[in-house]
């Protein structure tokens, strides 16, 4: 499972890992944050019309997580597959705390979730995050930039302020829950080498094709 602020490179690394594991004959299942068919359209409409309070925003993401946990995470795990997740409950712990939700309430809300065997936290500084996000598009997305919090009317300034706060929360979570920190500012090749090394012990005993 991978975590990190936007622009941390975690999705790139997870995609590379998935390709590698498949080439090695492992059965792999992939899931990502906010992707449940049950609630995705509702989330999209609510975001577009700016209808969510911090609490309802958190609850709908928890609903998404619960649905994916039951349908897309537990079944493949129980069948012996490798489950790769782009974000876990820790995303809610970080983002929703910045939006004003109580950290203890958030932890209780996601208490039902399976604890990942390995959580990789790709850490980058805020300048790197801003450069990566703005390098491929005109401006950050509304909620990605924390525009709903009224931090700044400028999307890039708001992104910097919001993601700085999220980064601070991630650092606390990493220390509290023992996430494995990876320097996300190194080259893609160096990071992937470390990722594979860390994942290898977790794969012991899992079936491979052939």
N, C-alpha and C. Protein backbone atom coordinates (compact mmCIF):
# COMPACT_ATOMS: atom_id res chain seq x y z
N UNK A 1 0.85 -1.17 0.00
CA UNK A 1 0.00 0.00 0.00
C UNK A 1 0.89 1.23 0.00
N UNK A 2 0.48 2.25 -0.75
CA UNK A 2 1.29 3.46 -0.84
C UNK A 2 0.51 4.67 -0.37
N UNK A 3 1.22 5.59 0.26
CA UNK A 3 0.64 6.85 0.72
C UNK A 3 1.61 7.99 0.41
N UNK A 4 1.09 9.20 0.48
CA UNK A 4 1.91 10.38 0.26
C UNK A 4 1.06 11.53 -0.22
N UNK A 5 1.59 12.74 -0.11
CA UNK A 5 0.85 13.89 -0.59
C UNK A 5 0.78 13.84 -2.11
N UNK A 6 -0.06 14.67 -2.70
CA UNK A 6 -0.18 14.72 -4.15
C UNK A 6 1.16 15.14 -4.75
N UNK A 7 1.57 14.45 -5.80
CA UNK A 7 2.85 14.75 -6.42
C UNK A 7 4.02 14.02 -5.80
N UNK A 8 3.73 13.05 -4.93
CA UNK A 8 4.82 12.32 -4.25
C UNK A 8 5.43 11.23 -5.12
N UNK A 9 4.74 10.85 -6.20
CA UNK A 9 5.24 9.80 -7.08
C UNK A 9 4.82 8.40 -6.69
N UNK A 10 3.95 8.30 -5.68
CA UNK A 10 3.53 6.99 -5.18
C UNK A 10 2.80 6.16 -6.24
N UNK A 11 1.94 6.79 -7.03
CA UNK A 11 1.17 6.06 -8.03
C UNK A 11 2.08 5.48 -9.12
N UNK A 12 3.09 6.25 -9.50
CA UNK A 12 4.06 5.77 -10.48
C UNK A 12 4.78 4.53 -9.96
N UNK A 13 5.21 4.60 -8.70
CA UNK A 13 5.93 3.48 -8.11
C UNK A 13 5.05 2.24 -7.96
N UNK A 14 3.79 2.45 -7.61
CA UNK A 14 2.88 1.31 -7.45
C UNK A 14 2.61 0.65 -8.79
N UNK A 15 2.47 1.46 -9.83
CA UNK A 15 2.25 0.93 -11.17
C UNK A 15 3.45 0.10 -11.63
N UNK A 16 4.65 0.59 -11.36
CA UNK A 16 5.86 -0.15 -11.72
C UNK A 16 5.94 -1.47 -10.94
N UNK A 17 5.56 -1.41 -9.67
CA UNK A 17 5.57 -2.62 -8.84
C UNK A 17 4.57 -3.64 -9.36
N UNK A 18 3.39 -3.17 -9.73
CA UNK A 18 2.36 -4.07 -10.25
C UNK A 18 2.85 -4.78 -11.52
N UNK A 19 3.45 -4.03 -12.42
CA UNK A 19 3.99 -4.61 -13.65
C UNK A 19 5.05 -5.66 -13.33
N UNK A 20 5.91 -5.36 -12.37
CA UNK A 20 6.97 -6.29 -11.98
C UNK A 20 6.39 -7.57 -11.38
N UNK A 21 5.44 -7.43 -10.47
CA UNK A 21 4.86 -8.60 -9.81
C UNK A 21 4.13 -9.50 -10.81
N UNK A 22 3.42 -8.89 -11.74
CA UNK A 22 2.74 -9.68 -12.76
C UNK A 22 3.75 -10.44 -13.62
N UNK A 23 4.87 -9.80 -13.93
CA UNK A 23 5.91 -10.46 -14.73
C UNK A 23 6.56 -11.61 -13.98
N UNK A 24 6.49 -11.55 -12.64
CA UNK A 24 7.05 -12.60 -11.80
C UNK A 24 6.04 -13.72 -11.52
N UNK A 25 4.83 -13.58 -12.08
CA UNK A 25 3.84 -14.63 -11.96
C UNK A 25 2.89 -14.54 -10.78
N UNK A 26 2.90 -13.41 -10.08
CA UNK A 26 1.99 -13.26 -8.94
C UNK A 26 0.60 -12.83 -9.42
N UNK A 27 -0.43 -13.29 -8.73
CA UNK A 27 -1.79 -12.82 -8.97
C UNK A 27 -1.96 -11.51 -8.22
N UNK A 28 -2.28 -10.45 -8.94
CA UNK A 28 -2.31 -9.11 -8.35
C UNK A 28 -3.68 -8.46 -8.54
N UNK A 29 -4.17 -7.84 -7.47
CA UNK A 29 -5.41 -7.06 -7.52
C UNK A 29 -5.07 -5.63 -7.12
N UNK A 30 -5.65 -4.66 -7.83
CA UNK A 30 -5.35 -3.25 -7.58
C UNK A 30 -6.61 -2.50 -7.17
N UNK A 31 -6.46 -1.61 -6.20
CA UNK A 31 -7.57 -0.74 -5.80
C UNK A 31 -7.03 0.64 -5.49
N UNK A 32 -7.86 1.66 -5.69
CA UNK A 32 -7.41 3.02 -5.42
C UNK A 32 -8.48 3.82 -4.70
N UNK A 33 -8.05 4.89 -4.07
CA UNK A 33 -8.91 5.75 -3.28
C UNK A 33 -10.05 6.32 -4.13
N UNK A 34 -11.23 6.40 -3.52
CA UNK A 34 -12.38 7.05 -4.15
C UNK A 34 -12.72 6.43 -5.52
N UNK A 35 -12.82 5.10 -5.55
CA UNK A 35 -13.10 4.44 -6.83
C UNK A 35 -14.27 3.46 -6.78
N UNK A 36 -14.98 3.40 -5.66
CA UNK A 36 -16.11 2.49 -5.55
C UNK A 36 -17.24 2.91 -6.48
N UNK A 37 -17.72 2.02 -7.35
CA UNK A 37 -18.85 2.36 -8.23
C UNK A 37 -20.10 2.75 -7.44
N UNK A 38 -20.20 2.27 -6.20
CA UNK A 38 -21.37 2.54 -5.37
C UNK A 38 -21.52 4.02 -5.05
N UNK A 39 -20.40 4.70 -4.81
CA UNK A 39 -20.49 6.09 -4.34
C UNK A 39 -19.72 7.09 -5.19
N UNK A 40 -18.98 6.62 -6.18
CA UNK A 40 -18.12 7.52 -6.95
C UNK A 40 -18.90 8.65 -7.61
N UNK A 41 -20.05 8.33 -8.21
CA UNK A 41 -20.84 9.36 -8.89
C UNK A 41 -21.40 10.36 -7.90
N UNK A 42 -21.80 9.87 -6.72
CA UNK A 42 -22.31 10.77 -5.68
C UNK A 42 -21.21 11.71 -5.20
N UNK A 43 -20.02 11.17 -5.00
CA UNK A 43 -18.89 11.99 -4.58
C UNK A 43 -18.59 13.05 -5.62
N UNK A 44 -18.61 12.67 -6.88
CA UNK A 44 -18.31 13.60 -7.96
C UNK A 44 -19.32 14.74 -8.01
N UNK A 45 -20.61 14.40 -7.87
CA UNK A 45 -21.65 15.43 -7.89
C UNK A 45 -21.53 16.36 -6.69
N UNK A 46 -21.28 15.77 -5.52
CA UNK A 46 -21.15 16.57 -4.31
C UNK A 46 -19.98 17.53 -4.37
N UNK A 47 -18.86 17.05 -4.92
CA UNK A 47 -17.68 17.91 -5.06
C UNK A 47 -17.96 19.05 -6.04
N UNK A 48 -18.59 18.71 -7.15
CA UNK A 48 -18.85 19.70 -8.19
C UNK A 48 -19.74 20.83 -7.68
N UNK A 49 -20.70 20.49 -6.82
CA UNK A 49 -21.62 21.50 -6.29
C UNK A 49 -21.20 22.01 -4.92
N UNK A 50 -20.04 21.54 -4.45
CA UNK A 50 -19.48 21.98 -3.17
C UNK A 50 -20.48 21.80 -2.03
N UNK A 51 -21.07 20.60 -1.95
CA UNK A 51 -22.13 20.31 -0.98
C UNK A 51 -21.62 19.75 0.34
N UNK A 52 -20.39 19.26 0.36
CA UNK A 52 -19.91 18.53 1.52
C UNK A 52 -19.36 19.43 2.63
N UNK A 53 -19.71 19.05 3.87
CA UNK A 53 -19.02 19.60 5.03
C UNK A 53 -17.81 18.70 5.28
N UNK A 54 -16.85 19.09 6.12
CA UNK A 54 -15.73 18.19 6.40
C UNK A 54 -16.18 16.81 6.89
N UNK A 55 -17.24 16.78 7.70
CA UNK A 55 -17.72 15.50 8.23
C UNK A 55 -18.36 14.64 7.15
N UNK A 56 -19.24 15.22 6.34
CA UNK A 56 -19.90 14.43 5.29
C UNK A 56 -18.90 14.02 4.22
N UNK A 57 -17.92 14.87 3.95
CA UNK A 57 -16.86 14.54 3.00
C UNK A 57 -16.10 13.31 3.49
N UNK A 58 -15.80 13.30 4.78
CA UNK A 58 -15.09 12.18 5.38
C UNK A 58 -15.94 10.91 5.36
N UNK A 59 -17.20 11.04 5.69
CA UNK A 59 -18.09 9.88 5.75
C UNK A 59 -18.29 9.23 4.38
N UNK A 60 -18.37 10.05 3.34
CA UNK A 60 -18.59 9.45 2.02
C UNK A 60 -17.34 8.73 1.53
N UNK A 61 -16.17 9.25 1.91
CA UNK A 61 -14.94 8.53 1.58
C UNK A 61 -14.82 7.24 2.39
N UNK A 62 -15.31 7.27 3.61
CA UNK A 62 -15.31 6.06 4.44
C UNK A 62 -16.26 5.01 3.84
N UNK A 63 -17.37 5.47 3.28
CA UNK A 63 -18.31 4.57 2.62
C UNK A 63 -17.66 3.93 1.40
N UNK A 64 -16.95 4.75 0.64
CA UNK A 64 -16.21 4.25 -0.51
C UNK A 64 -15.21 3.18 -0.08
N UNK A 65 -14.47 3.47 0.99
CA UNK A 65 -13.46 2.54 1.50
C UNK A 65 -14.11 1.24 1.97
N UNK A 66 -15.23 1.36 2.68
CA UNK A 66 -15.93 0.18 3.20
C UNK A 66 -16.41 -0.72 2.07
N UNK A 67 -16.95 -0.11 1.02
CA UNK A 67 -17.44 -0.90 -0.11
C UNK A 67 -16.30 -1.62 -0.82
N UNK A 68 -15.20 -0.90 -1.04
CA UNK A 68 -14.05 -1.53 -1.69
C UNK A 68 -13.40 -2.59 -0.79
N UNK A 69 -13.43 -2.34 0.51
CA UNK A 69 -12.85 -3.29 1.46
C UNK A 69 -13.59 -4.63 1.37
N UNK A 70 -14.92 -4.56 1.27
CA UNK A 70 -15.73 -5.78 1.22
C UNK A 70 -15.69 -6.46 -0.15
N UNK A 71 -15.61 -5.66 -1.21
CA UNK A 71 -15.73 -6.22 -2.56
C UNK A 71 -14.39 -6.43 -3.28
N UNK A 72 -13.44 -5.52 -3.04
CA UNK A 72 -12.22 -5.51 -3.85
C UNK A 72 -10.94 -5.80 -3.08
N UNK A 73 -11.03 -5.87 -1.75
CA UNK A 73 -9.83 -6.07 -0.95
C UNK A 73 -9.84 -7.42 -0.23
N UNK A 74 -10.87 -7.66 0.58
CA UNK A 74 -10.92 -8.92 1.33
C UNK A 74 -10.99 -10.17 0.44
N UNK A 75 -11.87 -10.21 -0.58
CA UNK A 75 -11.94 -11.42 -1.41
C UNK A 75 -10.60 -11.82 -2.05
N UNK A 76 -9.90 -10.89 -2.72
CA UNK A 76 -8.61 -11.29 -3.29
C UNK A 76 -7.57 -11.66 -2.24
N UNK A 77 -7.59 -10.98 -1.10
CA UNK A 77 -6.67 -11.33 -0.02
C UNK A 77 -6.92 -12.76 0.46
N UNK A 78 -8.19 -13.09 0.63
CA UNK A 78 -8.55 -14.42 1.13
C UNK A 78 -8.25 -15.52 0.12
N UNK A 79 -8.14 -15.15 -1.15
CA UNK A 79 -7.82 -16.14 -2.18
C UNK A 79 -6.32 -16.25 -2.42
N UNK A 80 -5.54 -15.47 -1.67
CA UNK A 80 -4.08 -15.57 -1.79
C UNK A 80 -3.45 -14.63 -2.78
N UNK A 81 -4.20 -13.65 -3.25
CA UNK A 81 -3.65 -12.69 -4.20
C UNK A 81 -2.88 -11.58 -3.48
N UNK A 82 -2.05 -10.89 -4.25
CA UNK A 82 -1.38 -9.68 -3.76
C UNK A 82 -2.32 -8.51 -4.03
N UNK A 83 -2.66 -7.75 -3.00
CA UNK A 83 -3.51 -6.58 -3.17
C UNK A 83 -2.66 -5.33 -3.07
N UNK A 84 -2.67 -4.53 -4.12
CA UNK A 84 -1.95 -3.26 -4.14
C UNK A 84 -2.96 -2.13 -4.03
N UNK A 85 -2.76 -1.23 -3.09
CA UNK A 85 -3.70 -0.14 -2.86
C UNK A 85 -3.02 1.21 -2.99
N UNK A 86 -3.57 2.04 -3.87
CA UNK A 86 -3.11 3.42 -4.00
C UNK A 86 -3.93 4.26 -3.03
N UNK A 87 -3.38 4.46 -1.86
CA UNK A 87 -3.97 5.13 -0.69
C UNK A 87 -4.80 4.15 0.14
N UNK A 88 -4.80 4.42 1.44
CA UNK A 88 -5.52 3.62 2.42
C UNK A 88 -6.24 4.59 3.35
N UNK A 89 -6.66 4.13 4.50
CA UNK A 89 -7.35 5.00 5.46
C UNK A 89 -6.47 6.14 5.93
N UNK A 90 -5.14 5.98 5.78
CA UNK A 90 -4.23 7.02 6.24
C UNK A 90 -4.42 8.32 5.46
N UNK A 91 -4.92 8.21 4.23
CA UNK A 91 -5.25 9.40 3.46
C UNK A 91 -6.31 10.22 4.18
N UNK A 92 -7.32 9.53 4.69
CA UNK A 92 -8.37 10.21 5.46
C UNK A 92 -7.81 10.78 6.76
N UNK A 93 -6.94 10.01 7.43
CA UNK A 93 -6.35 10.49 8.68
C UNK A 93 -5.64 11.83 8.45
N UNK A 94 -4.97 11.96 7.32
CA UNK A 94 -4.20 13.18 7.04
C UNK A 94 -5.09 14.30 6.50
N UNK A 95 -5.77 14.05 5.40
CA UNK A 95 -6.56 15.11 4.76
C UNK A 95 -7.72 15.59 5.62
N UNK A 96 -8.45 14.64 6.19
CA UNK A 96 -9.65 15.01 6.94
C UNK A 96 -9.31 15.71 8.25
N UNK A 97 -8.16 15.38 8.83
CA UNK A 97 -7.72 16.08 10.03
C UNK A 97 -7.43 17.54 9.70
N UNK A 98 -6.82 17.77 8.54
CA UNK A 98 -6.55 19.15 8.11
C UNK A 98 -7.86 19.90 7.89
N UNK A 99 -8.88 19.18 7.43
CA UNK A 99 -10.18 19.82 7.21
C UNK A 99 -10.98 19.99 8.50
N UNK A 100 -10.43 19.55 9.62
CA UNK A 100 -11.05 19.82 10.91
C UNK A 100 -11.68 18.65 11.63
N UNK A 101 -11.61 17.45 11.03
CA UNK A 101 -12.16 16.27 11.71
C UNK A 101 -11.24 15.82 12.84
N UNK A 102 -11.84 15.31 13.90
CA UNK A 102 -11.08 14.85 15.05
C UNK A 102 -10.28 13.59 14.70
N UNK A 103 -8.97 13.57 14.96
CA UNK A 103 -8.14 12.41 14.62
C UNK A 103 -8.63 11.10 15.25
N UNK A 104 -9.07 11.15 16.50
CA UNK A 104 -9.56 9.93 17.15
C UNK A 104 -10.84 9.43 16.48
N UNK A 105 -11.71 10.36 16.12
CA UNK A 105 -12.95 10.00 15.42
C UNK A 105 -12.62 9.32 14.09
N UNK A 106 -11.65 9.85 13.38
CA UNK A 106 -11.25 9.26 12.10
C UNK A 106 -10.71 7.85 12.27
N UNK A 107 -9.90 7.64 13.28
CA UNK A 107 -9.34 6.31 13.51
C UNK A 107 -10.42 5.30 13.88
N UNK A 108 -11.39 5.74 14.65
CA UNK A 108 -12.51 4.86 15.00
C UNK A 108 -13.37 4.55 13.78
N UNK A 109 -13.53 5.55 12.92
CA UNK A 109 -14.36 5.39 11.72
C UNK A 109 -13.81 4.29 10.80
N UNK A 110 -12.50 4.21 10.71
CA UNK A 110 -11.87 3.24 9.82
C UNK A 110 -11.33 2.01 10.55
N UNK A 111 -11.77 1.82 11.77
CA UNK A 111 -11.24 0.73 12.59
C UNK A 111 -11.48 -0.65 11.98
N UNK A 112 -12.52 -0.78 11.16
CA UNK A 112 -12.87 -2.07 10.56
C UNK A 112 -11.84 -2.50 9.50
N UNK A 113 -11.06 -1.57 9.00
CA UNK A 113 -10.17 -1.86 7.89
C UNK A 113 -9.03 -2.81 8.24
N UNK A 114 -8.70 -3.69 7.32
CA UNK A 114 -7.57 -4.59 7.48
C UNK A 114 -6.27 -3.78 7.53
N UNK A 115 -5.37 -4.13 8.43
CA UNK A 115 -4.08 -3.44 8.51
C UNK A 115 -3.17 -3.98 7.39
N UNK A 116 -2.67 -3.10 6.53
CA UNK A 116 -1.80 -3.56 5.44
C UNK A 116 -0.54 -4.24 5.96
N UNK A 117 -0.04 -5.23 5.21
CA UNK A 117 1.21 -5.89 5.58
C UNK A 117 2.39 -4.93 5.46
N UNK A 118 2.28 -4.00 4.52
CA UNK A 118 3.36 -3.03 4.30
C UNK A 118 2.77 -1.74 3.76
N UNK A 119 3.12 -0.63 4.40
CA UNK A 119 2.67 0.68 3.94
C UNK A 119 3.89 1.53 3.63
N UNK A 120 4.01 1.94 2.37
CA UNK A 120 5.13 2.76 1.93
C UNK A 120 4.69 4.21 1.83
N UNK A 121 5.33 5.06 2.59
CA UNK A 121 5.01 6.49 2.59
C UNK A 121 6.08 7.22 1.79
N UNK A 122 5.70 7.67 0.61
CA UNK A 122 6.62 8.39 -0.26
C UNK A 122 6.63 9.86 0.14
N UNK A 123 7.75 10.27 0.71
CA UNK A 123 7.84 11.62 1.25
C UNK A 123 8.63 12.54 0.32
N UNK A 124 8.00 13.64 -0.05
CA UNK A 124 8.67 14.69 -0.82
C UNK A 124 8.41 16.02 -0.14
N UNK A 125 9.27 17.00 -0.39
CA UNK A 125 9.02 18.32 0.18
C UNK A 125 7.95 19.02 -0.64
N UNK A 126 7.44 20.10 -0.10
CA UNK A 126 6.30 20.76 -0.74
C UNK A 126 6.66 21.39 -2.08
N UNK A 127 7.90 21.86 -2.22
CA UNK A 127 8.32 22.45 -3.50
C UNK A 127 8.29 21.41 -4.61
N UNK A 128 8.74 20.20 -4.30
CA UNK A 128 8.72 19.12 -5.28
C UNK A 128 7.29 18.77 -5.66
N UNK A 129 6.42 18.70 -4.66
CA UNK A 129 5.01 18.40 -4.90
C UNK A 129 4.38 19.43 -5.83
N UNK A 130 4.59 20.70 -5.53
CA UNK A 130 4.02 21.78 -6.35
C UNK A 130 4.55 21.72 -7.77
N UNK A 131 5.85 21.51 -7.91
CA UNK A 131 6.46 21.47 -9.24
C UNK A 131 5.90 20.32 -10.07
N UNK A 132 5.72 19.16 -9.45
CA UNK A 132 5.22 18.01 -10.19
C UNK A 132 3.75 18.19 -10.60
N UNK A 133 2.94 18.70 -9.68
CA UNK A 133 1.51 18.86 -9.97
C UNK A 133 1.28 19.94 -11.02
N UNK A 134 1.98 21.05 -10.91
CA UNK A 134 1.77 22.16 -11.85
C UNK A 134 2.54 21.97 -13.15
N UNK A 135 3.44 21.00 -13.17
CA UNK A 135 4.23 20.78 -14.38
C UNK A 135 3.43 20.17 -15.52
N UNK A 136 2.38 19.45 -15.18
CA UNK A 136 1.61 18.77 -16.21
C UNK A 136 0.24 19.36 -16.50
N UNK A 137 -0.12 20.41 -15.79
CA UNK A 137 -1.42 21.04 -16.03
C UNK A 137 -1.39 22.51 -15.61
N UNK A 138 -2.44 23.24 -15.95
CA UNK A 138 -2.47 24.68 -15.68
C UNK A 138 -2.55 24.96 -14.19
N UNK A 139 -3.41 24.25 -13.48
CA UNK A 139 -3.56 24.47 -12.04
C UNK A 139 -4.08 23.21 -11.35
N UNK A 140 -3.89 23.10 -10.03
CA UNK A 140 -4.35 21.92 -9.29
C UNK A 140 -5.87 21.84 -9.28
N UNK A 141 -6.38 20.64 -9.02
CA UNK A 141 -7.82 20.45 -8.88
C UNK A 141 -8.32 21.14 -7.61
N UNK A 142 -9.61 21.45 -7.57
CA UNK A 142 -10.21 22.24 -6.50
C UNK A 142 -9.95 21.66 -5.11
N UNK A 143 -10.35 20.41 -4.88
CA UNK A 143 -10.19 19.81 -3.56
C UNK A 143 -8.75 19.39 -3.30
N UNK A 144 -8.03 19.03 -4.35
CA UNK A 144 -6.62 18.70 -4.23
C UNK A 144 -5.84 19.90 -3.68
N UNK A 145 -6.31 21.09 -4.04
CA UNK A 145 -5.68 22.33 -3.58
C UNK A 145 -6.26 22.83 -2.26
N UNK A 146 -7.26 22.13 -1.73
CA UNK A 146 -7.88 22.57 -0.49
C UNK A 146 -8.63 23.88 -0.63
N UNK A 147 -9.12 24.15 -1.84
CA UNK A 147 -9.84 25.40 -2.09
C UNK A 147 -11.10 25.51 -1.25
N UNK A 148 -11.66 24.37 -0.86
CA UNK A 148 -12.87 24.38 -0.04
C UNK A 148 -12.63 24.94 1.35
N UNK A 149 -11.36 25.06 1.75
CA UNK A 149 -11.04 25.58 3.09
C UNK A 149 -10.85 27.08 3.10
N UNK A 150 -10.85 27.71 1.93
CA UNK A 150 -10.68 29.15 1.87
C UNK A 150 -9.30 29.64 2.28
N UNK A 151 -8.29 28.82 2.04
CA UNK A 151 -6.92 29.20 2.43
C UNK A 151 -6.38 30.32 1.56
N UNK A 152 -6.76 30.32 0.28
CA UNK A 152 -6.33 31.34 -0.66
C UNK A 152 -7.21 31.26 -1.89
N UNK A 153 -7.39 32.40 -2.56
CA UNK A 153 -8.18 32.40 -3.79
C UNK A 153 -7.35 31.92 -4.98
N UNK A 154 -6.04 31.86 -4.80
CA UNK A 154 -5.15 31.38 -5.85
C UNK A 154 -4.95 29.87 -5.69
N UNK A 155 -5.29 29.08 -6.70
CA UNK A 155 -5.21 27.61 -6.57
C UNK A 155 -3.82 27.09 -6.20
N UNK A 156 -2.79 27.65 -6.78
CA UNK A 156 -1.44 27.15 -6.50
C UNK A 156 -1.01 27.50 -5.08
N UNK A 157 -1.33 28.72 -4.64
CA UNK A 157 -1.02 29.11 -3.26
C UNK A 157 -1.80 28.24 -2.28
N UNK A 158 -3.08 28.02 -2.59
CA UNK A 158 -3.92 27.18 -1.73
C UNK A 158 -3.39 25.75 -1.69
N UNK A 159 -2.97 25.24 -2.85
CA UNK A 159 -2.39 23.89 -2.91
C UNK A 159 -1.18 23.79 -1.99
N UNK A 160 -0.30 24.77 -2.08
CA UNK A 160 0.91 24.77 -1.26
C UNK A 160 0.56 24.78 0.23
N UNK A 161 -0.37 25.62 0.63
CA UNK A 161 -0.76 25.73 2.04
C UNK A 161 -1.43 24.44 2.53
N UNK A 162 -2.35 23.93 1.71
CA UNK A 162 -3.09 22.72 2.10
C UNK A 162 -2.17 21.51 2.17
N UNK A 163 -1.39 21.30 1.13
CA UNK A 163 -0.53 20.12 1.09
C UNK A 163 0.57 20.18 2.15
N UNK A 164 0.98 21.38 2.53
CA UNK A 164 1.95 21.52 3.63
C UNK A 164 1.36 20.98 4.92
N UNK A 165 0.09 21.31 5.15
CA UNK A 165 -0.59 20.82 6.36
C UNK A 165 -0.79 19.30 6.29
N UNK A 166 -1.14 18.81 5.11
CA UNK A 166 -1.32 17.36 4.93
C UNK A 166 0.00 16.63 5.15
N UNK A 167 1.09 17.21 4.65
CA UNK A 167 2.42 16.63 4.84
C UNK A 167 2.76 16.52 6.33
N UNK A 168 2.42 17.55 7.08
CA UNK A 168 2.67 17.52 8.53
C UNK A 168 1.90 16.39 9.19
N UNK A 169 0.65 16.19 8.75
CA UNK A 169 -0.16 15.10 9.31
C UNK A 169 0.43 13.74 8.94
N UNK A 170 0.86 13.60 7.70
CA UNK A 170 1.47 12.33 7.27
C UNK A 170 2.70 11.99 8.10
N UNK A 171 3.51 13.00 8.39
CA UNK A 171 4.71 12.76 9.19
C UNK A 171 4.34 12.26 10.59
N UNK A 172 3.28 12.82 11.15
CA UNK A 172 2.81 12.36 12.47
C UNK A 172 2.32 10.92 12.39
N UNK A 173 1.54 10.63 11.34
CA UNK A 173 0.98 9.28 11.16
C UNK A 173 2.10 8.25 10.96
N UNK A 174 3.10 8.62 10.17
CA UNK A 174 4.21 7.71 9.90
C UNK A 174 4.93 7.35 11.19
N UNK A 175 5.12 8.34 12.06
CA UNK A 175 5.78 8.09 13.34
C UNK A 175 4.90 7.26 14.27
N UNK A 176 3.60 7.57 14.26
CA UNK A 176 2.65 6.89 15.16
C UNK A 176 2.41 5.44 14.77
N UNK A 177 2.25 5.19 13.48
CA UNK A 177 1.83 3.86 13.01
C UNK A 177 2.95 3.06 12.34
N UNK A 178 4.12 3.62 12.30
CA UNK A 178 5.25 2.87 11.77
C UNK A 178 5.24 2.67 10.27
N UNK A 179 4.82 3.68 9.51
CA UNK A 179 4.86 3.56 8.06
C UNK A 179 6.31 3.57 7.59
N UNK A 180 6.58 2.86 6.52
CA UNK A 180 7.93 2.82 5.96
C UNK A 180 8.14 4.02 5.05
N UNK A 181 9.06 4.89 5.44
CA UNK A 181 9.27 6.14 4.71
C UNK A 181 10.27 5.94 3.58
N UNK A 182 9.90 6.39 2.39
CA UNK A 182 10.77 6.33 1.23
C UNK A 182 11.01 7.75 0.72
N UNK A 183 12.24 8.06 0.43
CA UNK A 183 12.60 9.38 -0.10
C UNK A 183 12.09 9.49 -1.53
N UNK A 184 10.98 10.19 -1.70
CA UNK A 184 10.35 10.30 -3.00
C UNK A 184 11.02 11.28 -3.94
N UNK A 185 12.13 11.87 -3.51
CA UNK A 185 12.84 12.83 -4.36
C UNK A 185 14.03 12.18 -5.07
N UNK A 186 14.26 10.91 -4.80
CA UNK A 186 15.30 10.19 -5.53
C UNK A 186 14.78 9.80 -6.91
N UNK A 187 15.64 9.23 -7.72
CA UNK A 187 15.23 8.84 -9.07
C UNK A 187 14.18 7.73 -9.00
N UNK A 188 13.38 7.63 -10.04
CA UNK A 188 12.35 6.60 -10.12
C UNK A 188 12.97 5.21 -9.99
N UNK A 189 14.10 5.00 -10.65
CA UNK A 189 14.77 3.70 -10.62
C UNK A 189 15.24 3.36 -9.21
N UNK A 190 15.83 4.32 -8.51
CA UNK A 190 16.31 4.07 -7.15
C UNK A 190 15.16 3.73 -6.21
N UNK A 191 14.08 4.47 -6.35
CA UNK A 191 12.91 4.21 -5.50
C UNK A 191 12.34 2.82 -5.76
N UNK A 192 12.22 2.46 -7.03
CA UNK A 192 11.63 1.17 -7.37
C UNK A 192 12.50 0.02 -6.87
N UNK A 193 13.79 0.22 -6.92
CA UNK A 193 14.71 -0.80 -6.40
C UNK A 193 14.44 -1.04 -4.91
N UNK A 194 14.27 0.06 -4.17
CA UNK A 194 14.00 -0.06 -2.73
C UNK A 194 12.63 -0.67 -2.48
N UNK A 195 11.64 -0.28 -3.28
CA UNK A 195 10.28 -0.82 -3.13
C UNK A 195 10.29 -2.34 -3.28
N UNK A 196 10.94 -2.83 -4.31
CA UNK A 196 10.97 -4.28 -4.55
C UNK A 196 11.68 -5.01 -3.41
N UNK A 197 12.73 -4.41 -2.89
CA UNK A 197 13.47 -5.01 -1.78
C UNK A 197 12.59 -5.11 -0.54
N UNK A 198 11.79 -4.07 -0.29
CA UNK A 198 10.92 -4.05 0.89
C UNK A 198 9.73 -5.01 0.74
N UNK A 199 9.26 -5.15 -0.48
CA UNK A 199 8.08 -6.00 -0.74
C UNK A 199 8.43 -7.48 -0.71
N UNK A 200 9.63 -7.82 -1.08
CA UNK A 200 10.04 -9.22 -1.21
C UNK A 200 9.69 -10.09 0.00
N UNK A 201 10.01 -9.68 1.23
CA UNK A 201 9.69 -10.54 2.39
C UNK A 201 8.19 -10.76 2.59
N UNK A 202 7.39 -9.78 2.16
CA UNK A 202 5.93 -9.87 2.33
C UNK A 202 5.34 -10.92 1.40
N UNK A 203 6.03 -11.21 0.32
CA UNK A 203 5.51 -12.13 -0.70
C UNK A 203 5.73 -13.60 -0.38
N UNK A 204 6.49 -13.88 0.64
CA UNK A 204 6.80 -15.27 0.98
C UNK A 204 5.52 -16.07 1.24
N UNK A 205 5.40 -17.20 0.58
CA UNK A 205 4.25 -18.07 0.79
C UNK A 205 3.10 -17.82 -0.15
N UNK A 206 3.15 -16.72 -0.91
CA UNK A 206 2.06 -16.43 -1.85
C UNK A 206 2.27 -17.21 -3.14
N UNK A 207 1.16 -17.62 -3.75
CA UNK A 207 1.25 -18.45 -4.94
C UNK A 207 1.68 -17.64 -6.16
N UNK A 208 2.33 -18.35 -7.07
CA UNK A 208 2.74 -17.76 -8.34
C UNK A 208 2.27 -18.67 -9.47
N UNK A 209 1.96 -18.07 -10.60
CA UNK A 209 1.50 -18.86 -11.75
C UNK A 209 2.60 -19.79 -12.22
N UNK A 210 2.18 -20.97 -12.64
CA UNK A 210 3.13 -21.92 -13.18
C UNK A 210 3.85 -22.70 -12.11
